[in-house]
C-alpha atoms as a PDB file:
ATOM      1  CA  MET A   1      13.709  -8.861  23.247  1.00  0.00           C
ATOM      2  CA  ALA A   2      15.493 -10.702  19.395  1.00  0.00           C
ATOM      3  CA  ARG A   3      15.806  -8.696  16.079  1.00  0.00           C
ATOM      4  CA  LEU A   4      15.795 -10.292  13.005  1.00  0.00           C
ATOM      5  CA  GLU A   5      16.816  -9.214   9.557  1.00  0.00           C
ATOM      6  CA  LEU A   6      15.158 -10.932   6.526  1.00  0.00           C
ATOM      7  CA  GLU A   7      14.961 -11.315   3.151  1.00  0.00           C
ATOM      8  CA  ARG A   8      12.411 -11.189   0.943  1.00  0.00           C
ATOM      9  CA  GLU A   9      12.488 -14.411  -1.607  1.00  0.00           C
ATOM     10  CA  ASP A  10      11.013 -12.384  -4.344  1.00  0.00           C
ATOM     11  CA  ASN A  11      12.617  -9.114  -4.635  1.00  0.00           C
ATOM     12  CA  ALA A  12      15.868  -9.342  -1.840  1.00  0.00           C
ATOM     13  CA  GLU A  13      14.135  -6.834   0.141  1.00  0.00           C
ATOM     14  CA  LEU A  14      14.548  -6.870   4.264  1.00  0.00           C
ATOM     15  CA  ILE A  15      12.376  -6.947   6.845  1.00  0.00           C
ATOM     16  CA  GLU A  16      13.927  -5.866  10.402  1.00  0.00           C
ATOM     17  CA  VAL A  17      11.235  -8.439  13.154  1.00  0.00           C
ATOM     18  CA  GLU A  18      11.234  -7.900  15.924  1.00  0.00           C
ATOM     19  CA  ILE A  19      10.530 -11.193  18.235  1.00  0.00           C
ATOM     20  CA  PRO A  20      10.293 -12.388  22.058  1.00  0.00           C
ATOM     21  CA  THR A  21      13.712 -14.265  23.201  1.00  0.00           C
ATOM     22  CA  GLU A  22      12.048 -16.865  24.669  1.00  0.00           C
ATOM     23  CA  LEU A  23      10.184 -17.737  21.388  1.00  0.00           C
ATOM     24  CA  TYR A  24      13.592 -16.450  19.228  1.00  0.00           C
ATOM     25  CA  ARG A  25      15.302 -20.078  21.485  1.00  0.00           C
ATOM     26  CA  LYS A  26      12.316 -21.772  21.101  1.00  0.00           C
ATOM     27  CA  LEU A  27      12.345 -21.485  17.267  1.00  0.00           C
ATOM     28  CA  ALA A  28      16.289 -22.360  16.947  1.00  0.00           C
ATOM     29  CA  LEU A  29      16.250 -20.396  14.092  1.00  0.00           C
ATOM     30  CA  VAL A  30      19.445 -20.925  11.653  1.00  0.00           C
ATOM     31  CA  GLU A  31      20.404 -18.629   8.730  1.00  0.00           C
ATOM     32  CA  GLY A  32      19.569 -19.158   5.297  1.00  0.00           C
ATOM     33  CA  GLU A  33      16.199 -20.853   6.121  1.00  0.00           C
ATOM     34  CA  SER A  34      12.971 -19.996   4.788  1.00  0.00           C
ATOM     35  CA  LEU A  35       9.651 -19.341   7.332  1.00  0.00           C
ATOM     36  CA  VAL A  36       6.416 -17.635   6.710  1.00  0.00           C
ATOM     37  CA  VAL A  37       6.054 -14.749   8.570  1.00  0.00           C
ATOM     38  CA  ARG A  38       3.267 -12.479   9.645  1.00  0.00           C
ATOM     39  CA  PRO A  39       3.245  -8.902  10.825  1.00  0.00           C
ATOM     40  CA  LYS A  40       0.960  -8.391  14.024  1.00  0.00           C
ATOM     41  CA  LYS A  41       2.008  -4.659  13.891  1.00  0.00           C
ATOM     42  CA  MET A  42       3.342  -3.579  10.875  1.00  0.00           C
ATOM     43  CA  GLN A  43       5.599   0.090  10.336  1.00  0.00           C
ATOM     44  CA  VAL A  44       6.142   1.216   6.783  1.00  0.00           C
ATOM     45  CA  PHE A  45       8.428   3.748   5.678  1.00  0.00           C
ATOM     46  CA  ILE A  46       8.308   5.236   2.295  1.00  0.00           C
ATOM     47  CA  LYS A  47      11.741   7.888   1.614  1.00  0.00           C
ATOM     48  CA  PRO A  48       9.951  11.106  -0.537  1.00  0.00           C
ATOM     49  CA  PRO A  49      10.017  12.047  -3.916  1.00  0.00           C
ATOM     50  CA  GLU A  50      12.509  14.036  -4.473  1.00  0.00           C
ATOM     51  CA  PRO A  51      12.117  16.857  -6.880  1.00  0.00           C
ATOM     52  CA  ALA A  52      11.805  16.854 -10.637  1.00  0.00           C
ATOM     53  CA  ALA A  53      14.750  18.733 -12.152  1.00  0.00           C
ATOM     54  CA  GLU A  54      12.708  21.562 -12.945  1.00  0.00           C
ATOM     55  CA  MET A  55      11.236  22.657  -9.794  1.00  0.00           C
ATOM     56  CA  LEU A  56      14.087  23.038  -8.178  1.00  0.00           C
ATOM     57  CA  PRO A  57      16.258  26.789  -7.230  1.00  0.00           C
ATOM     58  CA  LYS A  58      17.738  28.397 -10.123  1.00  0.00           C
ATOM     59  CA  PRO A  59      21.238  28.779  -9.204  1.00  0.00           C
ATOM     60  CA  THR A  60      21.921  33.047  -9.174  1.00  0.00           C
END
């Protein structure tokens, strides 16, 4: 498997992508070129919200 790190054009967020090594070689990708991607299996990791200040325990 080849692991790629792609940058979205709309908001510059990074997307981590894994593709078969054979496909990676066939595509002959060059850094900086534009790609169109369509996820087959997508995993999204959401950062849990931070507790509001008033909900934090008060120091004793």
